[in-house]
């Protein structure tokens, strides 16, 4: 069982940066693939980035590639999402997720946080 709590969201101007954090509880954190998803009002939840259990492999969605970076610290049970060059279309609730497969699909992730709001103003 893993519990996830996101933090670091907020209001930022276009072109700015934010760093989201996800704190995980549970002894098995280092065995889980971790991911970030986002959901804007009226839209489906969208894949942002994922990272393998050892941190060696990452994947990012096309809309954030080159701007967002996912990382993890297994010693601290933490996952991060560094977001640079933010755009108004990045505005969404961002969710941390834990699962067993390095996947871009929502259904591959078993554990979810409550989400943190990111708003990018133009």
PDB file of N, CA and C in Angstrom:
ATOM      1  N   UNK A   1       0.847  -1.190   0.000  1.00  0.00           N
ATOM      2  CA  UNK A   1       0.000   0.000   0.000  1.00  0.00           C
ATOM      3  C   UNK A   1       0.885   1.243   0.000  1.00  0.00           C
ATOM      4  N   UNK A   2       0.562   2.183  -0.861  1.00  0.00           N
ATOM      5  CA  UNK A   2       1.319   3.432  -0.955  1.00  0.00           C
ATOM      6  C   UNK A   2       0.332   4.593  -0.897  1.00  0.00           C
ATOM      7  N   UNK A   3       0.635   5.562  -0.082  1.00  0.00           N
ATOM      8  CA  UNK A   3      -0.150   6.794  -0.033  1.00  0.00           C
ATOM      9  C   UNK A   3       0.687   7.929  -0.593  1.00  0.00           C
ATOM     10  N   UNK A   4       0.071   8.771  -1.416  1.00  0.00           N
ATOM     11  CA  UNK A   4       0.793   9.817  -2.129  1.00  0.00           C
ATOM     12  C   UNK A   4       0.192  11.183  -1.813  1.00  0.00           C
ATOM     13  N   UNK A   5       1.073  12.151  -1.549  1.00  0.00           N
ATOM     14  CA  UNK A   5       0.629  13.513  -1.249  1.00  0.00           C
ATOM     15  C   UNK A   5       1.449  14.484  -2.092  1.00  0.00           C
ATOM     16  N   UNK A   6       0.760  15.219  -2.964  1.00  0.00           N
ATOM     17  CA  UNK A   6       1.427  16.192  -3.827  1.00  0.00           C
ATOM     18  C   UNK A   6       1.509  17.561  -3.153  1.00  0.00           C
ATOM     19  N   UNK A   7       2.494  18.336  -3.559  1.00  0.00           N
ATOM     20  CA  UNK A   7       2.627  19.713  -3.105  1.00  0.00           C
ATOM     21  C   UNK A   7       3.402  20.499  -4.156  1.00  0.00           C
ATOM     22  N   UNK A   8       3.379  21.825  -4.009  1.00  0.00           N
ATOM     23  CA  UNK A   8       4.178  22.664  -4.886  1.00  0.00           C
ATOM     24  C   UNK A   8       3.406  23.373  -5.981  1.00  0.00           C
ATOM     25  N   UNK A   9       2.117  23.097  -6.079  1.00  0.00           N
ATOM     26  CA  UNK A   9       1.328  23.783  -7.086  1.00  0.00           C
ATOM     27  C   UNK A   9       1.123  25.243  -6.729  1.00  0.00           C
ATOM     28  N   UNK A  10       0.569  26.012  -7.684  1.00  0.00           N
ATOM     29  CA  UNK A  10       0.310  27.415  -7.428  1.00  0.00           C
ATOM     30  C   UNK A  10       0.056  28.177  -8.699  1.00  0.00           C
ATOM     31  N   UNK A  11       0.123  29.490  -8.581  1.00  0.00           N
ATOM     32  CA  UNK A  11      -0.105  30.394  -9.710  1.00  0.00           C
ATOM     33  C   UNK A  11       1.235  30.931 -10.190  1.00  0.00           C
ATOM     34  N   UNK A  12       1.466  30.852 -11.483  1.00  0.00           N
ATOM     35  CA  UNK A  12       2.724  31.308 -12.053  1.00  0.00           C
ATOM     36  C   UNK A  12       2.448  31.955 -13.404  1.00  0.00           C
ATOM     37  N   UNK A  13       3.268  32.904 -13.786  1.00  0.00           N
ATOM     38  CA  UNK A  13       3.113  33.540 -15.087  1.00  0.00           C
ATOM     39  C   UNK A  13       3.690  32.655 -16.185  1.00  0.00           C
ATOM     40  N   UNK A  14       3.186  32.824 -17.379  1.00  0.00           N
ATOM     41  CA  UNK A  14       3.707  32.093 -18.530  1.00  0.00           C
ATOM     42  C   UNK A  14       5.213  32.338 -18.659  1.00  0.00           C
ATOM     43  N   UNK A  15       5.926  31.257 -18.943  1.00  0.00           N
ATOM     44  CA  UNK A  15       7.382  31.323 -19.024  1.00  0.00           C
ATOM     45  C   UNK A  15       8.081  31.005 -17.731  1.00  0.00           C
ATOM     46  N   UNK A  16       7.323  30.935 -16.653  1.00  0.00           N
ATOM     47  CA  UNK A  16       7.898  30.659 -15.351  1.00  0.00           C
ATOM     48  C   UNK A  16       8.089  29.177 -15.081  1.00  0.00           C
ATOM     49  N   UNK A  17       8.505  28.871 -13.859  1.00  0.00           N
ATOM     50  CA  UNK A  17       8.801  27.501 -13.463  1.00  0.00           C
ATOM     51  C   UNK A  17       8.131  27.161 -12.141  1.00  0.00           C
ATOM     52  N   UNK A  18       7.853  25.890 -11.966  1.00  0.00           N
ATOM     53  CA  UNK A  18       7.368  25.333 -10.710  1.00  0.00           C
ATOM     54  C   UNK A  18       7.975  23.959 -10.537  1.00  0.00           C
ATOM     55  N   UNK A  19       8.122  23.562  -9.286  1.00  0.00           N
ATOM     56  CA  UNK A  19       8.564  22.202  -8.991  1.00  0.00           C
ATOM     57  C   UNK A  19       7.532  21.534  -8.116  1.00  0.00           C
ATOM     58  N   UNK A  20       6.926  20.503  -8.640  1.00  0.00           N
ATOM     59  CA  UNK A  20       5.971  19.722  -7.870  1.00  0.00           C
ATOM     60  C   UNK A  20       6.703  18.605  -7.132  1.00  0.00           C
ATOM     61  N   UNK A  21       6.216  18.316  -5.942  1.00  0.00           N
ATOM     62  CA  UNK A  21       6.761  17.214  -5.154  1.00  0.00           C
ATOM     63  C   UNK A  21       5.651  16.236  -4.810  1.00  0.00           C
ATOM     64  N   UNK A  22       6.026  14.996  -4.661  1.00  0.00           N
ATOM     65  CA  UNK A  22       5.080  13.952  -4.269  1.00  0.00           C
ATOM     66  C   UNK A  22       5.751  13.121  -3.182  1.00  0.00           C
ATOM     67  N   UNK A  23       5.178  13.157  -1.993  1.00  0.00           N
ATOM     68  CA  UNK A  23       5.697  12.381  -0.872  1.00  0.00           C
ATOM     69  C   UNK A  23       4.932  11.070  -0.775  1.00  0.00           C
ATOM     70  N   UNK A  24       5.667   9.982  -0.715  1.00  0.00           N
ATOM     71  CA  UNK A  24       5.045   8.661  -0.669  1.00  0.00           C
ATOM     72  C   UNK A  24       5.305   7.985   0.670  1.00  0.00           C
ATOM     73  N   UNK A  25       4.291   7.323   1.167  1.00  0.00           N
ATOM     74  CA  UNK A  25       4.448   6.512   2.368  1.00  0.00           C
ATOM     75  C   UNK A  25       4.433   5.049   1.975  1.00  0.00           C
ATOM     76  N   UNK A  26       5.023   4.211   2.803  1.00  0.00           N
ATOM     77  CA  UNK A  26       5.032   2.788   2.492  1.00  0.00           C
ATOM     78  C   UNK A  26       6.429   2.292   2.215  1.00  0.00           C
ATOM     79  N   UNK A  27       6.694   1.054   2.578  1.00  0.00           N
ATOM     80  CA  UNK A  27       8.037   0.494   2.486  1.00  0.00           C
ATOM     81  C   UNK A  27       8.416   0.105   1.076  1.00  0.00           C
ATOM     82  N   UNK A  28       7.449  -0.050   0.198  1.00  0.00           N
ATOM     83  CA  UNK A  28       7.726  -0.584  -1.132  1.00  0.00           C
ATOM     84  C   UNK A  28       7.879   0.497  -2.195  1.00  0.00           C
ATOM     85  N   UNK A  29       8.071   1.728  -1.787  1.00  0.00           N
ATOM     86  CA  UNK A  29       8.106   2.835  -2.750  1.00  0.00           C
ATOM     87  C   UNK A  29       9.118   2.577  -3.853  1.00  0.00           C
ATOM     88  N   UNK A  30      10.300   2.122  -3.501  1.00  0.00           N
ATOM     89  CA  UNK A  30      11.371   1.964  -4.486  1.00  0.00           C
ATOM     90  C   UNK A  30      11.093   0.870  -5.510  1.00  0.00           C
ATOM     91  N   UNK A  31      10.048   0.096  -5.305  1.00  0.00           N
ATOM     92  CA  UNK A  31       9.702  -0.951  -6.265  1.00  0.00           C
ATOM     93  C   UNK A  31       8.656  -0.500  -7.268  1.00  0.00           C
ATOM     94  N   UNK A  32       8.122   0.692  -7.087  1.00  0.00           N
ATOM     95  CA  UNK A  32       7.043   1.168  -7.938  1.00  0.00           C
ATOM     96  C   UNK A  32       7.534   2.109  -9.035  1.00  0.00           C
ATOM     97  N   UNK A  33       6.961   1.936 -10.207  1.00  0.00           N
ATOM     98  CA  UNK A  33       7.032   2.970 -11.231  1.00  0.00           C
ATOM     99  C   UNK A  33       6.173   4.139 -10.743  1.00  0.00           C
ATOM    100  N   UNK A  34       6.649   5.355 -10.971  1.00  0.00           N
ATOM    101  CA  UNK A  34       5.897   6.534 -10.562  1.00  0.00           C
ATOM    102  C   UNK A  34       5.608   7.405 -11.770  1.00  0.00           C
ATOM    103  N   UNK A  35       4.494   8.113 -11.702  1.00  0.00           N
ATOM    104  CA  UNK A  35       4.131   8.955 -12.827  1.00  0.00           C
ATOM    105  C   UNK A  35       3.438  10.230 -12.389  1.00  0.00           C
ATOM    106  N   UNK A  36       3.378  11.152 -13.321  1.00  0.00           N
ATOM    107  CA  UNK A  36       2.593  12.387 -13.143  1.00  0.00           C
ATOM    108  C   UNK A  36       1.569  12.458 -14.274  1.00  0.00           C
ATOM    109  N   UNK A  37       0.357  12.797 -13.902  1.00  0.00           N
ATOM    110  CA  UNK A  37      -0.726  13.033 -14.853  1.00  0.00           C
ATOM    111  C   UNK A  37      -1.328  14.399 -14.542  1.00  0.00           C
ATOM    112  N   UNK A  38      -2.113  14.910 -15.467  1.00  0.00           N
ATOM    113  CA  UNK A  38      -2.800  16.176 -15.216  1.00  0.00           C
ATOM    114  C   UNK A  38      -4.195  16.138 -15.832  1.00  0.00           C
ATOM    115  N   UNK A  39      -5.059  16.949 -15.258  1.00  0.00           N
ATOM    116  CA  UNK A  39      -6.429  17.006 -15.755  1.00  0.00           C
ATOM    117  C   UNK A  39      -6.940  18.437 -15.699  1.00  0.00           C
ATOM    118  N   UNK A  40      -7.291  18.952 -16.854  1.00  0.00           N
ATOM    119  CA  UNK A  40      -7.881  20.283 -16.956  1.00  0.00           C
ATOM    120  C   UNK A  40      -9.399  20.153 -16.946  1.00  0.00           C
ATOM    121  N   UNK A  41     -10.110  21.211 -16.584  1.00  0.00           N
ATOM    122  CA  UNK A  41     -11.579  21.143 -16.530  1.00  0.00           C
ATOM    123  C   UNK A  41     -12.166  20.708 -17.863  1.00  0.00           C
ATOM    124  N   UNK A  42     -13.064  19.722 -17.800  1.00  0.00           N
ATOM    125  CA  UNK A  42     -13.742  19.252 -18.996  1.00  0.00           C
ATOM    126  C   UNK A  42     -12.915  18.353 -19.889  1.00  0.00           C
ATOM    127  N   UNK A  43     -11.722  17.980 -19.427  1.00  0.00           N
ATOM    128  CA  UNK A  43     -10.862  17.153 -20.255  1.00  0.00           C
ATOM    129  C   UNK A  43     -10.502  15.874 -19.510  1.00  0.00           C
ATOM    130  N   UNK A  44     -10.054  14.879 -20.265  1.00  0.00           N
ATOM    131  CA  UNK A  44      -9.637  13.619 -19.659  1.00  0.00           C
ATOM    132  C   UNK A  44      -8.273  13.790 -19.001  1.00  0.00           C
ATOM    133  N   UNK A  45      -8.005  12.875 -18.056  1.00  0.00           N
ATOM    134  CA  UNK A  45      -6.702  12.896 -17.405  1.00  0.00           C
ATOM    135  C   UNK A  45      -5.626  12.554 -18.442  1.00  0.00           C
ATOM    136  N   UNK A  46      -4.550  13.326 -18.432  1.00  0.00           N
ATOM    137  CA  UNK A  46      -3.524  13.258 -19.465  1.00  0.00           C
ATOM    138  C   UNK A  46      -2.177  12.855 -18.874  1.00  0.00           C
ATOM    139  N   UNK A  47      -1.485  11.966 -19.554  1.00  0.00           N
ATOM    140  CA  UNK A  47      -0.155  11.555 -19.141  1.00  0.00           C
ATOM    141  C   UNK A  47       0.836  12.710 -19.267  1.00  0.00           C
ATOM    142  N   UNK A  48       1.675  12.877 -18.246  1.00  0.00           N
ATOM    143  CA  UNK A  48       2.702  13.900 -18.281  1.00  0.00           C
ATOM    144  C   UNK A  48       4.094  13.267 -18.337  1.00  0.00           C
ATOM    145  N   UNK A  49       4.387  12.423 -17.364  1.00  0.00           N
ATOM    146  CA  UNK A  49       5.720  11.812 -17.321  1.00  0.00           C
ATOM    147  C   UNK A  49       5.699  10.596 -16.409  1.00  0.00           C
ATOM    148  N   UNK A  50       6.650   9.696 -16.648  1.00  0.00           N
ATOM    149  CA  UNK A  50       6.783   8.520 -15.799  1.00  0.00           C
ATOM    150  C   UNK A  50       8.254   8.193 -15.606  1.00  0.00           C
ATOM    151  N   UNK A  51       8.551   7.494 -14.522  1.00  0.00           N
ATOM    152  CA  UNK A  51       9.932   7.155 -14.196  1.00  0.00           C
ATOM    153  C   UNK A  51       9.975   5.742 -13.634  1.00  0.00           C
ATOM    154  N   UNK A  52      10.992   4.999 -14.034  1.00  0.00           N
ATOM    155  CA  UNK A  52      11.122   3.619 -13.571  1.00  0.00           C
ATOM    156  C   UNK A  52      11.451   3.575 -12.083  1.00  0.00           C
ATOM    157  N   UNK A  53      11.348   2.398 -11.510  1.00  0.00           N
ATOM    158  CA  UNK A  53      11.534   2.245 -10.071  1.00  0.00           C
ATOM    159  C   UNK A  53      12.941   2.665  -9.630  1.00  0.00           C
ATOM    160  N   UNK A  54      13.945   2.433 -10.473  1.00  0.00           N
ATOM    161  CA  UNK A  54      15.320   2.809 -10.103  1.00  0.00           C
ATOM    162  C   UNK A  54      15.707   4.195 -10.617  1.00  0.00           C
ATOM    163  N   UNK A  55      14.805   4.843 -11.323  1.00  0.00           N
ATOM    164  CA  UNK A  55      15.057   6.194 -11.808  1.00  0.00           C
ATOM    165  C   UNK A  55      15.852   6.284 -13.084  1.00  0.00           C
ATOM    166  N   UNK A  56      16.221   5.156 -13.668  1.00  0.00           N
ATOM    167  CA  UNK A  56      17.093   5.173 -14.844  1.00  0.00           C
ATOM    168  C   UNK A  56      16.329   5.465 -16.141  1.00  0.00           C
ATOM    169  N   UNK A  57      15.053   5.177 -16.170  1.00  0.00           N
ATOM    170  CA  UNK A  57      14.270   5.336 -17.394  1.00  0.00           C
ATOM    171  C   UNK A  57      13.135   6.323 -17.147  1.00  0.00           C
ATOM    172  N   UNK A  58      13.006   7.283 -18.040  1.00  0.00           N
ATOM    173  CA  UNK A  58      11.912   8.238 -17.960  1.00  0.00           C
ATOM    174  C   UNK A  58      11.240   8.372 -19.326  1.00  0.00           C
ATOM    175  N   UNK A  59       9.994   8.738 -19.296  1.00  0.00           N
ATOM    176  CA  UNK A  59       9.242   9.037 -20.508  1.00  0.00           C
ATOM    177  C   UNK A  59       8.406  10.275 -20.242  1.00  0.00           C
ATOM    178  N   UNK A  60       8.222  11.100 -21.255  1.00  0.00           N
ATOM    179  CA  UNK A  60       7.416  12.312 -21.110  1.00  0.00           C
ATOM    180  C   UNK A  60       6.417  12.409 -22.243  1.00  0.00           C
ATOM    181  N   UNK A  61       5.303  13.057 -21.955  1.00  0.00           N
ATOM    182  CA  UNK A  61       4.312  13.287 -22.987  1.00  0.00           C
ATOM    183  C   UNK A  61       4.804  14.307 -24.003  1.00  0.00           C
ATOM    184  N   UNK A  62       4.280  14.230 -25.198  1.00  0.00           N
ATOM    185  CA  UNK A  62       4.741  15.108 -26.271  1.00  0.00           C
ATOM    186  C   UNK A  62       4.533  16.585 -25.936  1.00  0.00           C
ATOM    187  N   UNK A  63       3.473  16.894 -25.219  1.00  0.00           N
ATOM    188  CA  UNK A  63       3.161  18.290 -24.938  1.00  0.00           C
ATOM    189  C   UNK A  63       4.108  18.924 -23.914  1.00  0.00           C
ATOM    190  N   UNK A  64       4.855  18.121 -23.192  1.00  0.00           N
ATOM    191  CA  UNK A  64       5.744  18.663 -22.162  1.00  0.00           C
ATOM    192  C   UNK A  64       7.203  18.322 -22.413  1.00  0.00           C
ATOM    193  N   UNK A  65       7.465  17.556 -23.448  1.00  0.00           N
ATOM    194  CA  UNK A  65       8.821  17.112 -23.713  1.00  0.00           C
ATOM    195  C   UNK A  65       9.751  18.314 -23.910  1.00  0.00           C
ATOM    196  N   UNK A  66      10.895  18.254 -23.228  1.00  0.00           N
ATOM    197  CA  UNK A  66      11.859  19.352 -23.307  1.00  0.00           C
ATOM    198  C   UNK A  66      11.612  20.463 -22.311  1.00  0.00           C
ATOM    199  N   UNK A  67      10.458  20.450 -21.648  1.00  0.00           N
ATOM    200  CA  UNK A  67      10.128  21.485 -20.663  1.00  0.00           C
ATOM    201  C   UNK A  67       9.986  20.924 -19.248  1.00  0.00           C
ATOM    202  N   UNK A  68       9.459  19.735 -19.131  1.00  0.00           N
ATOM    203  CA  UNK A  68       9.224  19.106 -17.827  1.00  0.00           C
ATOM    204  C   UNK A  68      10.199  17.954 -17.625  1.00  0.00           C
ATOM    205  N   UNK A  69      10.633  17.773 -16.379  1.00  0.00           N
ATOM    206  CA  UNK A  69      11.545  16.681 -16.040  1.00  0.00           C
ATOM    207  C   UNK A  69      11.062  15.980 -14.783  1.00  0.00           C
ATOM    208  N   UNK A  70      10.929  14.669 -14.864  1.00  0.00           N
ATOM    209  CA  UNK A  70      10.548  13.871 -13.706  1.00  0.00           C
ATOM    210  C   UNK A  70      11.803  13.278 -13.076  1.00  0.00           C
ATOM    211  N   UNK A  71      11.807  13.210 -11.745  1.00  0.00           N
ATOM    212  CA  UNK A  71      12.927  12.597 -11.039  1.00  0.00           C
ATOM    213  C   UNK A  71      12.403  11.991  -9.741  1.00  0.00           C
ATOM    214  N   UNK A  72      13.228  11.201  -9.104  1.00  0.00           N
ATOM    215  CA  UNK A  72      12.826  10.591  -7.837  1.00  0.00           C
ATOM    216  C   UNK A  72      14.018  10.426  -6.927  1.00  0.00           C
ATOM    217  N   UNK A  73      13.720  10.354  -5.635  1.00  0.00           N
ATOM    218  CA  UNK A  73      14.740  10.099  -4.620  1.00  0.00           C
ATOM    219  C   UNK A  73      14.191   8.970  -3.750  1.00  0.00           C
ATOM    220  N   UNK A  74      14.642   7.755  -4.011  1.00  0.00           N
ATOM    221  CA  UNK A  74      14.103   6.602  -3.290  1.00  0.00           C
ATOM    222  C   UNK A  74      14.476   6.612  -1.810  1.00  0.00           C
ATOM    223  N   UNK A  75      15.568   7.249  -1.473  1.00  0.00           N
ATOM    224  CA  UNK A  75      15.968   7.331  -0.067  1.00  0.00           C
ATOM    225  C   UNK A  75      15.006   8.203   0.728  1.00  0.00           C
ATOM    226  N   UNK A  76      14.369   9.151   0.036  1.00  0.00           N
ATOM    227  CA  UNK A  76      13.443  10.067   0.706  1.00  0.00           C
ATOM    228  C   UNK A  76      11.982   9.758   0.382  1.00  0.00           C
ATOM    229  N   UNK A  77      11.738   8.727  -0.425  1.00  0.00           N
ATOM    230  CA  UNK A  77      10.364   8.402  -0.854  1.00  0.00           C
ATOM    231  C   UNK A  77       9.692   9.601  -1.534  1.00  0.00           C
ATOM    232  N   UNK A  78      10.418  10.229  -2.433  1.00  0.00           N
ATOM    233  CA  UNK A  78       9.922  11.428  -3.091  1.00  0.00           C
ATOM    234  C   UNK A  78      10.002  11.303  -4.614  1.00  0.00           C
ATOM    235  N   UNK A  79       9.035  11.911  -5.270  1.00  0.00           N
ATOM    236  CA  UNK A  79       9.041  12.065  -6.720  1.00  0.00           C
ATOM    237  C   UNK A  79       8.844  13.543  -7.017  1.00  0.00           C
ATOM    238  N   UNK A  80       9.508  14.017  -8.055  1.00  0.00           N
ATOM    239  CA  UNK A  80       9.449  15.435  -8.388  1.00  0.00           C
ATOM    240  C   UNK A  80       9.067  15.627  -9.857  1.00  0.00           C
ATOM    241  N   UNK A  81       8.487  16.785 -10.127  1.00  0.00           N
ATOM    242  CA  UNK A  81       8.240  17.193 -11.507  1.00  0.00           C
ATOM    243  C   UNK A  81       8.689  18.646 -11.633  1.00  0.00           C
ATOM    244  N   UNK A  82       9.817  18.845 -12.304  1.00  0.00           N
ATOM    245  CA  UNK A  82      10.313  20.186 -12.572  1.00  0.00           C
ATOM    246  C   UNK A  82       9.670  20.677 -13.853  1.00  0.00           C
ATOM    247  N   UNK A  83       8.965  21.796 -13.757  1.00  0.00           N
ATOM    248  CA  UNK A  83       8.241  22.330 -14.901  1.00  0.00           C
ATOM    249  C   UNK A  83       8.813  23.700 -15.264  1.00  0.00           C
ATOM    250  N   UNK A  84       9.364  23.780 -16.454  1.00  0.00           N
ATOM    251  CA  UNK A  84       9.942  25.029 -16.949  1.00  0.00           C
ATOM    252  C   UNK A  84       9.181  25.519 -18.167  1.00  0.00           C
ATOM    253  N   UNK A  85       9.380  26.776 -18.502  1.00  0.00           N
ATOM    254  CA  UNK A  85       8.735  27.382 -19.682  1.00  0.00           C
ATOM    255  C   UNK A  85       7.240  27.091 -19.694  1.00  0.00           C
ATOM    256  N   UNK A  86       6.605  27.341 -18.581  1.00  0.00           N
ATOM    257  CA  UNK A  86       5.190  27.009 -18.447  1.00  0.00           C
ATOM    258  C   UNK A  86       4.328  27.846 -19.385  1.00  0.00           C
ATOM    259  N   UNK A  87       3.268  27.218 -19.866  1.00  0.00           N
ATOM    260  CA  UNK A  87       2.329  27.842 -20.776  1.00  0.00           C
ATOM    261  C   UNK A  87       0.931  27.830 -20.157  1.00  0.00           C
ATOM    262  N   UNK A  88       0.050  28.735 -20.576  1.00  0.00           N
ATOM    263  CA  UNK A  88      -1.321  28.717 -20.041  1.00  0.00           C
ATOM    264  C   UNK A  88      -2.013  27.367 -20.236  1.00  0.00           C
ATOM    265  N   UNK A  89      -1.692  26.660 -21.299  1.00  0.00           N
ATOM    266  CA  UNK A  89      -2.319  25.358 -21.543  1.00  0.00           C
ATOM    267  C   UNK A  89      -1.808  24.265 -20.602  1.00  0.00           C
ATOM    268  N   UNK A  90      -0.809  24.576 -19.783  1.00  0.00           N
ATOM    269  CA  UNK A  90      -0.365  23.636 -18.745  1.00  0.00           C
ATOM    270  C   UNK A  90      -1.245  23.711 -17.502  1.00  0.00           C
ATOM    271  N   UNK A  91      -2.158  24.655 -17.465  1.00  0.00           N
ATOM    272  CA  UNK A  91      -3.051  24.803 -16.321  1.00  0.00           C
ATOM    273  C   UNK A  91      -3.901  23.552 -16.144  1.00  0.00           C
ATOM    274  N   UNK A  92      -3.834  22.964 -14.943  1.00  0.00           N
ATOM    275  CA  UNK A  92      -4.549  21.718 -14.663  1.00  0.00           C
ATOM    276  C   UNK A  92      -4.312  21.329 -13.210  1.00  0.00           C
ATOM    277  N   UNK A  93      -5.041  20.324 -12.772  1.00  0.00           N
ATOM    278  CA  UNK A  93      -4.711  19.658 -11.518  1.00  0.00           C
ATOM    279  C   UNK A  93      -3.709  18.552 -11.856  1.00  0.00           C
ATOM    280  N   UNK A  94      -2.601  18.526 -11.137  1.00  0.00           N
ATOM    281  CA  UNK A  94      -1.537  17.559 -11.387  1.00  0.00           C
ATOM    282  C   UNK A  94      -1.586  16.472 -10.319  1.00  0.00           C
ATOM    283  N   UNK A  95      -1.546  15.219 -10.789  1.00  0.00           N
ATOM    284  CA  UNK A  95      -1.655  14.065  -9.916  1.00  0.00           C
ATOM    285  C   UNK A  95      -0.385  13.224  -9.966  1.00  0.00           C
ATOM    286  N   UNK A  96       0.039  12.784  -8.822  1.00  0.00           N
ATOM    287  CA  UNK A  96       1.113  11.808  -8.687  1.00  0.00           C
ATOM    288  C   UNK A  96       0.489  10.419  -8.649  1.00  0.00           C
ATOM    289  N   UNK A  97       1.134   9.456  -9.297  1.00  0.00           N
ATOM    290  CA  UNK A  97       0.565   8.114  -9.366  1.00  0.00           C
ATOM    291  C   UNK A  97       1.660   7.062  -9.225  1.00  0.00           C
ATOM    292  N   UNK A  98       1.291   5.928  -8.655  1.00  0.00           N
ATOM    293  CA  UNK A  98       2.232   4.824  -8.488  1.00  0.00           C
ATOM    294  C   UNK A  98       1.676   3.554  -9.075  1.00  0.00           C
ATOM    295  N   UNK A  99       2.526   2.818  -9.781  1.00  0.00           N
ATOM    296  CA  UNK A  99       2.054   1.585 -10.401  1.00  0.00           C
ATOM    297  C   UNK A  99       3.181   0.623 -10.667  1.00  0.00           C
ATOM    298  N   UNK A 100       2.864  -0.423 -11.445  1.00  0.00           N
ATOM    299  CA  UNK A 100       3.840  -1.457 -11.695  1.00  0.00           C
ATOM    300  C   UNK A 100       4.420  -1.467 -13.080  1.00  0.00           C
ATOM    301  N   UNK A 101       3.911  -0.615 -13.958  1.00  0.00           N
ATOM    302  CA  UNK A 101       4.384  -0.646 -15.338  1.00  0.00           C
ATOM    303  C   UNK A 101       4.736   0.753 -15.798  1.00  0.00           C
ATOM    304  N   UNK A 102       5.787   0.845 -16.594  1.00  0.00           N
ATOM    305  CA  UNK A 102       6.198   2.136 -17.153  1.00  0.00           C
ATOM    306  C   UNK A 102       5.241   2.440 -18.305  1.00  0.00           C
ATOM    307  N   UNK A 103       4.160   3.103 -17.970  1.00  0.00           N
ATOM    308  CA  UNK A 103       3.064   3.236 -18.923  1.00  0.00           C
ATOM    309  C   UNK A 103       2.556   4.664 -18.988  1.00  0.00           C
ATOM    310  N   UNK A 104       1.903   4.977 -20.123  1.00  0.00           N
ATOM    311  CA  UNK A 104       1.301   6.298 -20.286  1.00  0.00           C
ATOM    312  C   UNK A 104      -0.186   6.271 -19.986  1.00  0.00           C
ATOM    313  N   UNK A 105      -0.709   5.116 -19.627  1.00  0.00           N
ATOM    314  CA  UNK A 105      -2.152   4.994 -19.424  1.00  0.00           C
ATOM    315  C   UNK A 105      -2.529   5.074 -17.949  1.00  0.00           C
ATOM    316  N   UNK A 106      -3.656   5.690 -17.694  1.00  0.00           N
ATOM    317  CA  UNK A 106      -4.145   5.882 -16.332  1.00  0.00           C
ATOM    318  C   UNK A 106      -4.340   4.546 -15.623  1.00  0.00           C
ATOM    319  N   UNK A 107      -4.846   3.576 -16.326  1.00  0.00           N
ATOM    320  CA  UNK A 107      -5.213   2.300 -15.708  1.00  0.00           C
ATOM    321  C   UNK A 107      -4.012   1.488 -15.241  1.00  0.00           C
ATOM    322  N   UNK A 108      -2.813   1.857 -15.677  1.00  0.00           N
ATOM    323  CA  UNK A 108      -1.607   1.124 -15.256  1.00  0.00           C
ATOM    324  C   UNK A 108      -1.168   1.504 -13.853  1.00  0.00           C
ATOM    325  N   UNK A 109      -1.750   2.567 -13.308  1.00  0.00           N
ATOM    326  CA  UNK A 109      -1.329   3.091 -12.010  1.00  0.00           C
ATOM    327  C   UNK A 109      -2.380   2.789 -10.955  1.00  0.00           C
ATOM    328  N   UNK A 110      -1.927   2.189  -9.875  1.00  0.00           N
ATOM    329  CA  UNK A 110      -2.836   1.722  -8.823  1.00  0.00           C
ATOM    330  C   UNK A 110      -3.067   2.783  -7.758  1.00  0.00           C
ATOM    331  N   UNK A 111      -2.062   3.578  -7.469  1.00  0.00           N
ATOM    332  CA  UNK A 111      -2.150   4.526  -6.361  1.00  0.00           C
ATOM    333  C   UNK A 111      -2.126   5.954  -6.892  1.00  0.00           C
ATOM    334  N   UNK A 112      -2.956   6.817  -6.283  1.00  0.00           N
ATOM    335  CA  UNK A 112      -3.094   8.199  -6.739  1.00  0.00           C
ATOM    336  C   UNK A 112      -3.112   9.149  -5.561  1.00  0.00           C
ATOM    337  N   UNK A 113      -2.503  10.314  -5.762  1.00  0.00           N
ATOM    338  CA  UNK A 113      -2.616  11.374  -4.786  1.00  0.00           C
ATOM    339  C   UNK A 113      -3.890  12.174  -5.012  1.00  0.00           C
ATOM    340  N   UNK A 114      -4.076  13.201  -4.191  1.00  0.00           N
ATOM    341  CA  UNK A 114      -5.290  14.007  -4.259  1.00  0.00           C
ATOM    342  C   UNK A 114      -5.185  15.130  -5.289  1.00  0.00           C
ATOM    343  N   UNK A 115      -3.993  15.387  -5.770  1.00  0.00           N
ATOM    344  CA  UNK A 115      -3.802  16.405  -6.796  1.00  0.00           C
ATOM    345  C   UNK A 115      -3.399  17.755  -6.242  1.00  0.00           C
ATOM    346  N   UNK A 116      -2.705  18.527  -7.073  1.00  0.00           N
ATOM    347  CA  UNK A 116      -2.327  19.886  -6.720  1.00  0.00           C
ATOM    348  C   UNK A 116      -2.573  20.780  -7.939  1.00  0.00           C
ATOM    349  N   UNK A 117      -3.152  21.945  -7.705  1.00  0.00           N
ATOM    350  CA  UNK A 117      -3.547  22.829  -8.798  1.00  0.00           C
ATOM    351  C   UNK A 117      -2.361  23.645  -9.283  1.00  0.00           C
ATOM    352  N   UNK A 118      -2.197  23.671 -10.589  1.00  0.00           N
ATOM    353  CA  UNK A 118      -1.211  24.535 -11.237  1.00  0.00           C
ATOM    354  C   UNK A 118      -1.975  25.456 -12.191  1.00  0.00           C
ATOM    355  N   UNK A 119      -1.780  26.747 -12.018  1.00  0.00           N
ATOM    356  CA  UNK A 119      -2.429  27.732 -12.874  1.00  0.00           C
ATOM    357  C   UNK A 119      -1.367  28.623 -13.493  1.00  0.00           C
ATOM    358  N   UNK A 120      -1.379  28.694 -14.813  1.00  0.00           N
ATOM    359  CA  UNK A 120      -0.405  29.507 -15.537  1.00  0.00           C
ATOM    360  C   UNK A 120      -1.150  30.656 -16.194  1.00  0.00           C
ATOM    361  N   UNK A 121      -0.793  31.864 -15.820  1.00  0.00           N
ATOM    362  CA  UNK A 121      -1.460  33.046 -16.372  1.00  0.00           C
ATOM    363  C   UNK A 121      -0.696  33.564 -17.588  1.00  0.00           C
ATOM    364  N   UNK A 122      -1.445  34.132 -18.517  1.00  0.00           N
ATOM    365  CA  UNK A 122      -0.821  34.644 -19.754  1.00  0.00           C
ATOM    366  C   UNK A 122      -0.396  36.089 -19.597  1.00  0.00           C
TER     367      UNK A 122
END
